[in-house]
Amino acid sequence: MIKVLFFAKLREQVGRSEIELPALDSGSNVAALLDAVVAEIPEAEPVLRQGNILAAINQEMAPLSAIVADGDEVAFFPPVTGG
């Protein structure tokens, strides 16, 4: 299983704070996980496909090309700004 977390405004827009999905095929990346999330929550597609979403795997920032494995925790969140 892969635990998927949504933070900040994404959590509000998706309507959930987390979901669990079955492990993906070996070698699958964060982009493939996003596809699986959209398949599970179709109404979240506009939010998750906005192009500036950030991801972390096991609490470390990761690009969409990073490999996701069974047992990973993947978090998605909007870009943050300081000030």
PDB file of N, CA and C in Angstrom:
ATOM      1  N   MET A   1       0.836  -1.185   0.000  1.00  0.00           N
ATOM      2  CA  MET A   1       0.000   0.000   0.000  1.00  0.00           C
ATOM      3  C   MET A   1       0.882   1.249   0.000  1.00  0.00           C
ATOM      4  N   ILE A   2       0.342   2.302  -0.567  1.00  0.00           N
ATOM      5  CA  ILE A   2       0.996   3.603  -0.562  1.00  0.00           C
ATOM      6  C   ILE A   2       0.043   4.578   0.116  1.00  0.00           C
ATOM      7  N   LYS A   3       0.535   5.249   1.130  1.00  0.00           N
ATOM      8  CA  LYS A   3      -0.257   6.251   1.828  1.00  0.00           C
ATOM      9  C   LYS A   3      -0.048   7.587   1.126  1.00  0.00           C
ATOM     10  N   VAL A   4      -1.138   8.223   0.728  1.00  0.00           N
ATOM     11  CA  VAL A   4      -1.083   9.503   0.022  1.00  0.00           C
ATOM     12  C   VAL A   4      -1.717  10.563   0.912  1.00  0.00           C
ATOM     13  N   LEU A   5      -0.956  11.621   1.176  1.00  0.00           N
ATOM     14  CA  LEU A   5      -1.420  12.709   2.029  1.00  0.00           C
ATOM     15  C   LEU A   5      -1.610  13.974   1.206  1.00  0.00           C
ATOM     16  N   PHE A   6      -2.587  14.774   1.590  1.00  0.00           N
ATOM     17  CA  PHE A   6      -2.833  16.063   0.942  1.00  0.00           C
ATOM     18  C   PHE A   6      -2.748  17.143   2.017  1.00  0.00           C
ATOM     19  N   PHE A   7      -1.977  18.190   1.744  1.00  0.00           N
ATOM     20  CA  PHE A   7      -1.773  19.234   2.741  1.00  0.00           C
ATOM     21  C   PHE A   7      -2.264  20.589   2.265  1.00  0.00           C
ATOM     22  N   ALA A   8      -2.505  21.445   3.248  1.00  0.00           N
ATOM     23  CA  ALA A   8      -2.857  22.838   3.036  1.00  0.00           C
ATOM     24  C   ALA A   8      -4.098  22.955   2.147  1.00  0.00           C
ATOM     25  N   LYS A   9      -4.032  23.844   1.188  1.00  0.00           N
ATOM     26  CA  LYS A   9      -5.196  24.108   0.334  1.00  0.00           C
ATOM     27  C   LYS A   9      -5.598  22.880  -0.489  1.00  0.00           C
ATOM     28  N   LEU A  10      -4.626  22.025  -0.828  1.00  0.00           N
ATOM     29  CA  LEU A  10      -4.965  20.807  -1.582  1.00  0.00           C
ATOM     30  C   LEU A  10      -5.930  19.927  -0.787  1.00  0.00           C
ATOM     31  N   ARG A  11      -5.697  19.830   0.518  1.00  0.00           N
ATOM     32  CA  ARG A  11      -6.577  19.008   1.358  1.00  0.00           C
ATOM     33  C   ARG A  11      -8.010  19.516   1.253  1.00  0.00           C
ATOM     34  N   GLU A  12      -8.171  20.827   1.302  1.00  0.00           N
ATOM     35  CA  GLU A  12      -9.512  21.415   1.194  1.00  0.00           C
ATOM     36  C   GLU A  12     -10.112  21.169  -0.188  1.00  0.00           C
ATOM     37  N   GLN A  13      -9.297  21.338  -1.220  1.00  0.00           N
ATOM     38  CA  GLN A  13      -9.802  21.208  -2.582  1.00  0.00           C
ATOM     39  C   GLN A  13     -10.118  19.758  -2.949  1.00  0.00           C
ATOM     40  N   VAL A  14      -9.300  18.827  -2.466  1.00  0.00           N
ATOM     41  CA  VAL A  14      -9.520  17.402  -2.752  1.00  0.00           C
ATOM     42  C   VAL A  14     -10.650  16.857  -1.876  1.00  0.00           C
ATOM     43  N   GLY A  15     -10.805  17.436  -0.692  1.00  0.00           N
ATOM     44  CA  GLY A  15     -11.869  16.995   0.199  1.00  0.00           C
ATOM     45  C   GLY A  15     -11.479  15.850   1.106  1.00  0.00           C
ATOM     46  N   ARG A  16     -10.202  15.545   1.147  1.00  0.00           N
ATOM     47  CA  ARG A  16      -9.694  14.466   2.003  1.00  0.00           C
ATOM     48  C   ARG A  16      -8.293  14.842   2.469  1.00  0.00           C
ATOM     49  N   SER A  17      -7.896  14.305   3.594  1.00  0.00           N
ATOM     50  CA  SER A  17      -6.538  14.550   4.056  1.00  0.00           C
ATOM     51  C   SER A  17      -5.596  13.424   3.645  1.00  0.00           C
ATOM     52  N   GLU A  18      -6.155  12.243   3.406  1.00  0.00           N
ATOM     53  CA  GLU A  18      -5.316  11.126   2.982  1.00  0.00           C
ATOM     54  C   GLU A  18      -6.146  10.010   2.368  1.00  0.00           C
ATOM     55  N   ILE A  19      -5.461   9.197   1.574  1.00  0.00           N
ATOM     56  CA  ILE A  19      -6.043   7.964   1.044  1.00  0.00           C
ATOM     57  C   ILE A  19      -4.935   6.920   1.008  1.00  0.00           C
ATOM     58  N   GLU A  20      -5.302   5.672   0.908  1.00  0.00           N
ATOM     59  CA  GLU A  20      -4.337   4.601   0.701  1.00  0.00           C
ATOM     60  C   GLU A  20      -4.664   3.930  -0.622  1.00  0.00           C
ATOM     61  N   LEU A  21      -3.616   3.687  -1.388  1.00  0.00           N
ATOM     62  CA  LEU A  21      -3.770   3.042  -2.689  1.00  0.00           C
ATOM     63  C   LEU A  21      -2.908   1.790  -2.737  1.00  0.00           C
ATOM     64  N   PRO A  22      -3.309   0.805  -3.521  1.00  0.00           N
ATOM     65  CA  PRO A  22      -2.460  -0.377  -3.696  1.00  0.00           C
ATOM     66  C   PRO A  22      -1.122   0.032  -4.304  1.00  0.00           C
ATOM     67  N   ALA A  23      -0.091  -0.731  -4.001  1.00  0.00           N
ATOM     68  CA  ALA A  23       1.228  -0.471  -4.565  1.00  0.00           C
ATOM     69  C   ALA A  23       1.149  -0.452  -6.092  1.00  0.00           C
ATOM     70  N   LEU A  24       1.937   0.404  -6.681  1.00  0.00           N
ATOM     71  CA  LEU A  24       1.996   0.501  -8.141  1.00  0.00           C
ATOM     72  C   LEU A  24       2.986  -0.527  -8.682  1.00  0.00           C
ATOM     73  N   ASP A  25       3.010  -0.666  -9.997  1.00  0.00           N
ATOM     74  CA  ASP A  25       3.981  -1.556 -10.623  1.00  0.00           C
ATOM     75  C   ASP A  25       5.389  -1.099 -10.262  1.00  0.00           C
ATOM     76  N   SER A  26       6.302  -2.022 -10.179  1.00  0.00           N
ATOM     77  CA  SER A  26       7.694  -1.710  -9.881  1.00  0.00           C
ATOM     78  C   SER A  26       8.229  -0.678 -10.870  1.00  0.00           C
ATOM     79  N   GLY A  27       8.909   0.327 -10.367  1.00  0.00           N
ATOM     80  CA  GLY A  27       9.475   1.361 -11.232  1.00  0.00           C
ATOM     81  C   GLY A  27       8.527   2.512 -11.518  1.00  0.00           C
ATOM     82  N   SER A  28       7.321   2.485 -10.952  1.00  0.00           N
ATOM     83  CA  SER A  28       6.370   3.580 -11.169  1.00  0.00           C
ATOM     84  C   SER A  28       6.821   4.820 -10.406  1.00  0.00           C
ATOM     85  N   ASN A  29       6.473   5.977 -10.964  1.00  0.00           N
ATOM     86  CA  ASN A  29       6.926   7.224 -10.358  1.00  0.00           C
ATOM     87  C   ASN A  29       5.759   8.017  -9.763  1.00  0.00           C
ATOM     88  N   VAL A  30       6.093   9.191  -9.226  1.00  0.00           N
ATOM     89  CA  VAL A  30       5.085  10.043  -8.600  1.00  0.00           C
ATOM     90  C   VAL A  30       4.011  10.450  -9.614  1.00  0.00           C
ATOM     91  N   ALA A  31       4.402  10.695 -10.848  1.00  0.00           N
ATOM     92  CA  ALA A  31       3.425  11.059 -11.880  1.00  0.00           C
ATOM     93  C   ALA A  31       2.409   9.925 -12.075  1.00  0.00           C
ATOM     94  N   ALA A  32       2.869   8.682 -12.056  1.00  0.00           N
ATOM     95  CA  ALA A  32       1.951   7.537 -12.174  1.00  0.00           C
ATOM     96  C   ALA A  32       1.045   7.450 -10.948  1.00  0.00           C
ATOM     97  N   LEU A  33       1.592   7.783  -9.791  1.00  0.00           N
ATOM     98  CA  LEU A  33       0.772   7.798  -8.583  1.00  0.00           C
ATOM     99  C   LEU A  33      -0.318   8.862  -8.694  1.00  0.00           C
ATOM    100  N   LEU A  34       0.025  10.023  -9.247  1.00  0.00           N
ATOM    101  CA  LEU A  34      -0.983  11.058  -9.462  1.00  0.00           C
ATOM    102  C   LEU A  34      -2.104  10.538 -10.351  1.00  0.00           C
ATOM    103  N   ASP A  35      -1.746   9.780 -11.391  1.00  0.00           N
ATOM    104  CA  ASP A  35      -2.769   9.170 -12.255  1.00  0.00           C
ATOM    105  C   ASP A  35      -3.680   8.253 -11.445  1.00  0.00           C
ATOM    106  N   ALA A  36      -3.091   7.468 -10.542  1.00  0.00           N
ATOM    107  CA  ALA A  36      -3.873   6.551  -9.709  1.00  0.00           C
ATOM    108  C   ALA A  36      -4.775   7.320  -8.748  1.00  0.00           C
ATOM    109  N   VAL A  37      -4.279   8.429  -8.218  1.00  0.00           N
ATOM    110  CA  VAL A  37      -5.098   9.255  -7.323  1.00  0.00           C
ATOM    111  C   VAL A  37      -6.285   9.833  -8.085  1.00  0.00           C
ATOM    112  N   VAL A  38      -6.043  10.336  -9.289  1.00  0.00           N
ATOM    113  CA  VAL A  38      -7.119  10.904 -10.103  1.00  0.00           C
ATOM    114  C   VAL A  38      -8.142   9.823 -10.465  1.00  0.00           C
ATOM    115  N   ALA A  39      -7.687   8.608 -10.712  1.00  0.00           N
ATOM    116  CA  ALA A  39      -8.616   7.513 -10.997  1.00  0.00           C
ATOM    117  C   ALA A  39      -9.495   7.217  -9.781  1.00  0.00           C
ATOM    118  N   GLU A  40      -8.924   7.368  -8.585  1.00  0.00           N
ATOM    119  CA  GLU A  40      -9.655   7.120  -7.339  1.00  0.00           C
ATOM    120  C   GLU A  40     -10.574   8.292  -6.972  1.00  0.00           C
ATOM    121  N   ILE A  41     -10.105   9.517  -7.248  1.00  0.00           N
ATOM    122  CA  ILE A  41     -10.867  10.728  -6.902  1.00  0.00           C
ATOM    123  C   ILE A  41     -10.942  11.610  -8.154  1.00  0.00           C
ATOM    124  N   PRO A  42     -11.780  11.269  -9.126  1.00  0.00           N
ATOM    125  CA  PRO A  42     -11.821  12.010 -10.392  1.00  0.00           C
ATOM    126  C   PRO A  42     -12.085  13.506 -10.243  1.00  0.00           C
ATOM    127  N   GLU A  43     -12.878  13.870  -9.255  1.00  0.00           N
ATOM    128  CA  GLU A  43     -13.187  15.289  -9.075  1.00  0.00           C
ATOM    129  C   GLU A  43     -11.971  16.113  -8.637  1.00  0.00           C
ATOM    130  N   ALA A  44     -10.899  15.462  -8.228  1.00  0.00           N
ATOM    131  CA  ALA A  44      -9.681  16.161  -7.800  1.00  0.00           C
ATOM    132  C   ALA A  44      -8.733  16.453  -8.962  1.00  0.00           C
ATOM    133  N   GLU A  45      -9.060  15.967 -10.149  1.00  0.00           N
ATOM    134  CA  GLU A  45      -8.144  16.122 -11.280  1.00  0.00           C
ATOM    135  C   GLU A  45      -7.742  17.573 -11.543  1.00  0.00           C
ATOM    136  N   PRO A  46      -8.658  18.528 -11.610  1.00  0.00           N
ATOM    137  CA  PRO A  46      -8.228  19.906 -11.898  1.00  0.00           C
ATOM    138  C   PRO A  46      -7.226  20.437 -10.872  1.00  0.00           C
ATOM    139  N   VAL A  47      -7.407  20.072  -9.630  1.00  0.00           N
ATOM    140  CA  VAL A  47      -6.515  20.531  -8.565  1.00  0.00           C
ATOM    141  C   VAL A  47      -5.148  19.870  -8.672  1.00  0.00           C
ATOM    142  N   LEU A  48      -5.144  18.571  -8.919  1.00  0.00           N
ATOM    143  CA  LEU A  48      -3.887  17.825  -8.928  1.00  0.00           C
ATOM    144  C   LEU A  48      -3.109  17.980 -10.234  1.00  0.00           C
ATOM    145  N   ARG A  49      -3.743  18.470 -11.266  1.00  0.00           N
ATOM    146  CA  ARG A  49      -3.077  18.644 -12.561  1.00  0.00           C
ATOM    147  C   ARG A  49      -2.724  20.098 -12.851  1.00  0.00           C
ATOM    148  N   GLN A  50      -2.733  20.947 -11.832  1.00  0.00           N
ATOM    149  CA  GLN A  50      -2.489  22.360 -12.064  1.00  0.00           C
ATOM    150  C   GLN A  50      -1.037  22.674 -12.416  1.00  0.00           C
ATOM    151  N   GLY A  51      -0.154  21.717 -12.308  1.00  0.00           N
ATOM    152  CA  GLY A  51       1.206  21.890 -12.805  1.00  0.00           C
ATOM    153  C   GLY A  51       2.220  22.432 -11.818  1.00  0.00           C
ATOM    154  N   ASN A  52       1.778  22.971 -10.699  1.00  0.00           N
ATOM    155  CA  ASN A  52       2.740  23.498  -9.744  1.00  0.00           C
ATOM    156  C   ASN A  52       2.695  22.769  -8.409  1.00  0.00           C
ATOM    157  N   ILE A  53       2.102  21.611  -8.399  1.00  0.00           N
ATOM    158  CA  ILE A  53       1.980  20.820  -7.186  1.00  0.00           C
ATOM    159  C   ILE A  53       3.357  20.280  -6.779  1.00  0.00           C
ATOM    160  N   LEU A  54       3.608  20.227  -5.486  1.00  0.00           N
ATOM    161  CA  LEU A  54       4.861  19.697  -4.962  1.00  0.00           C
ATOM    162  C   LEU A  54       4.604  18.337  -4.333  1.00  0.00           C
ATOM    163  N   ALA A  55       5.651  17.511  -4.300  1.00  0.00           N
ATOM    164  CA  ALA A  55       5.515  16.172  -3.724  1.00  0.00           C
ATOM    165  C   ALA A  55       6.695  15.867  -2.813  1.00  0.00           C
ATOM    166  N   ALA A  56       6.424  15.010  -1.849  1.00  0.00           N
ATOM    167  CA  ALA A  56       7.476  14.500  -0.967  1.00  0.00           C
ATOM    168  C   ALA A  56       7.231  13.005  -0.789  1.00  0.00           C
ATOM    169  N   ILE A  57       8.308  12.246  -0.823  1.00  0.00           N
ATOM    170  CA  ILE A  57       8.242  10.811  -0.560  1.00  0.00           C
ATOM    171  C   ILE A  57       8.937  10.573   0.769  1.00  0.00           C
ATOM    172  N   ASN A  58       8.213   9.993   1.705  1.00  0.00           N
ATOM    173  CA  ASN A  58       8.754   9.728   3.039  1.00  0.00           C
ATOM    174  C   ASN A  58       9.409  10.972   3.632  1.00  0.00           C
ATOM    175  N   GLN A  59       8.722  12.098   3.490  1.00  0.00           N
ATOM    176  CA  GLN A  59       9.079  13.389   4.066  1.00  0.00           C
ATOM    177  C   GLN A  59      10.318  14.029   3.448  1.00  0.00           C
ATOM    178  N   GLU A  60      10.650  13.639   2.221  1.00  0.00           N
ATOM    179  CA  GLU A  60      11.734  14.275   1.484  1.00  0.00           C
ATOM    180  C   GLU A  60      11.197  14.732   0.134  1.00  0.00           C
ATOM    181  N   MET A  61      11.478  15.990  -0.207  1.00  0.00           N
ATOM    182  CA  MET A  61      11.014  16.532  -1.479  1.00  0.00           C
ATOM    183  C   MET A  61      11.411  15.606  -2.627  1.00  0.00           C
ATOM    184  N   ALA A  62      10.512  15.475  -3.588  1.00  0.00           N
ATOM    185  CA  ALA A  62      10.758  14.558  -4.698  1.00  0.00           C
ATOM    186  C   ALA A  62      10.133  15.113  -5.979  1.00  0.00           C
ATOM    187  N   PRO A  63      10.817  14.933  -7.117  1.00  0.00           N
ATOM    188  CA  PRO A  63      10.230  15.333  -8.398  1.00  0.00           C
ATOM    189  C   PRO A  63       9.187  14.302  -8.836  1.00  0.00           C
ATOM    190  N   LEU A  64       8.375  14.671  -9.812  1.00  0.00           N
ATOM    191  CA  LEU A  64       7.360  13.745 -10.319  1.00  0.00           C
ATOM    192  C   LEU A  64       7.970  12.499 -10.946  1.00  0.00           C
ATOM    193  N   SER A  65       9.240  12.565 -11.286  1.00  0.00           N
ATOM    194  CA  SER A  65       9.923  11.417 -11.884  1.00  0.00           C
ATOM    195  C   SER A  65      10.480  10.439 -10.846  1.00  0.00           C
ATOM    196  N   ALA A  66      10.398  10.774  -9.564  1.00  0.00           N
ATOM    197  CA  ALA A  66      10.932   9.907  -8.506  1.00  0.00           C
ATOM    198  C   ALA A  66      10.112   8.621  -8.410  1.00  0.00           C
ATOM    199  N   ILE A  67      10.796   7.531  -8.141  1.00  0.00           N
ATOM    200  CA  ILE A  67      10.168   6.213  -8.041  1.00  0.00           C
ATOM    201  C   ILE A  67       9.442   6.074  -6.701  1.00  0.00           C
ATOM    202  N   VAL A  68       8.246   5.488  -6.761  1.00  0.00           N
ATOM    203  CA  VAL A  68       7.431   5.237  -5.575  1.00  0.00           C
ATOM    204  C   VAL A  68       7.373   3.731  -5.356  1.00  0.00           C
ATOM    205  N   ALA A  69       7.564   3.316  -4.097  1.00  0.00           N
ATOM    206  CA  ALA A  69       7.573   1.889  -3.779  1.00  0.00           C
ATOM    207  C   ALA A  69       6.482   1.552  -2.766  1.00  0.00           C
ATOM    208  N   ASP A  70       6.161   0.288  -2.695  1.00  0.00           N
ATOM    209  CA  ASP A  70       5.195  -0.207  -1.716  1.00  0.00           C
ATOM    210  C   ASP A  70       5.651   0.216  -0.320  1.00  0.00           C
ATOM    211  N   GLY A  71       4.719   0.739   0.473  1.00  0.00           N
ATOM    212  CA  GLY A  71       5.036   1.169   1.833  1.00  0.00           C
ATOM    213  C   GLY A  71       5.427   2.629   1.950  1.00  0.00           C
ATOM    214  N   ASP A  72       5.608   3.308   0.823  1.00  0.00           N
ATOM    215  CA  ASP A  72       5.978   4.722   0.864  1.00  0.00           C
ATOM    216  C   ASP A  72       4.798   5.577   1.317  1.00  0.00           C
ATOM    217  N   GLU A  73       5.154   6.728   1.860  1.00  0.00           N
ATOM    218  CA  GLU A  73       4.182   7.771   2.173  1.00  0.00           C
ATOM    219  C   GLU A  73       4.489   8.924   1.227  1.00  0.00           C
ATOM    220  N   VAL A  74       3.512   9.313   0.444  1.00  0.00           N
ATOM    221  CA  VAL A  74       3.697  10.391  -0.530  1.00  0.00           C
ATOM    222  C   VAL A  74       2.747  11.522  -0.179  1.00  0.00           C
ATOM    223  N   ALA A  75       3.324  12.714  -0.034  1.00  0.00           N
ATOM    224  CA  ALA A  75       2.530  13.889   0.308  1.00  0.00           C
ATOM    225  C   ALA A  75       2.508  14.845  -0.876  1.00  0.00           C
ATOM    226  N   PHE A  76       1.346  15.417  -1.119  1.00  0.00           N
ATOM    227  CA  PHE A  76       1.194  16.445  -2.147  1.00  0.00           C
ATOM    228  C   PHE A  76       0.773  17.733  -1.468  1.00  0.00           C
ATOM    229  N   PHE A  77       1.361  18.834  -1.907  1.00  0.00           N
ATOM    230  CA  PHE A  77       1.007  20.132  -1.335  1.00  0.00           C
ATOM    231  C   PHE A  77       1.259  21.227  -2.337  1.00  0.00           C
ATOM    232  N   PRO A  78       0.592  22.372  -2.150  1.00  0.00           N
ATOM    233  CA  PRO A  78       0.776  23.484  -3.075  1.00  0.00           C
ATOM    234  C   PRO A  78       2.119  24.149  -2.822  1.00  0.00           C
ATOM    235  N   PRO A  79       2.590  24.933  -3.776  1.00  0.00           N
ATOM    236  CA  PRO A  79       3.832  25.668  -3.547  1.00  0.00           C
ATOM    237  C   PRO A  79       3.665  26.592  -2.347  1.00  0.00           C
ATOM    238  N   VAL A  80       4.742  26.780  -1.635  1.00  0.00           N
ATOM    239  CA  VAL A  80       4.708  27.662  -0.462  1.00  0.00           C
ATOM    240  C   VAL A  80       5.541  28.905  -0.740  1.00  0.00           C
ATOM    241  N   THR A  81       5.142  29.982  -0.116  1.00  0.00           N
ATOM    242  CA  THR A  81       5.894  31.219  -0.247  1.00  0.00           C
ATOM    243  C   THR A  81       6.205  31.756   1.133  1.00  0.00           C
ATOM    244  N   GLY A  82       7.279  32.427   1.214  1.00  0.00           N
ATOM    245  CA  GLY A  82       7.661  33.044   2.484  1.00  0.00           C
ATOM    246  C   GLY A  82       7.423  34.535   2.403  1.00  0.00           C
ATOM    247  N   GLY A  83       7.670  35.179   3.491  1.00  0.00           N
ATOM    248  CA  GLY A  83       7.471  36.602   3.423  1.00  0.00           C
ATOM    249  C   GLY A  83       7.864  37.329   4.659  1.00  0.00           C
TER     250      GLY A  83
END
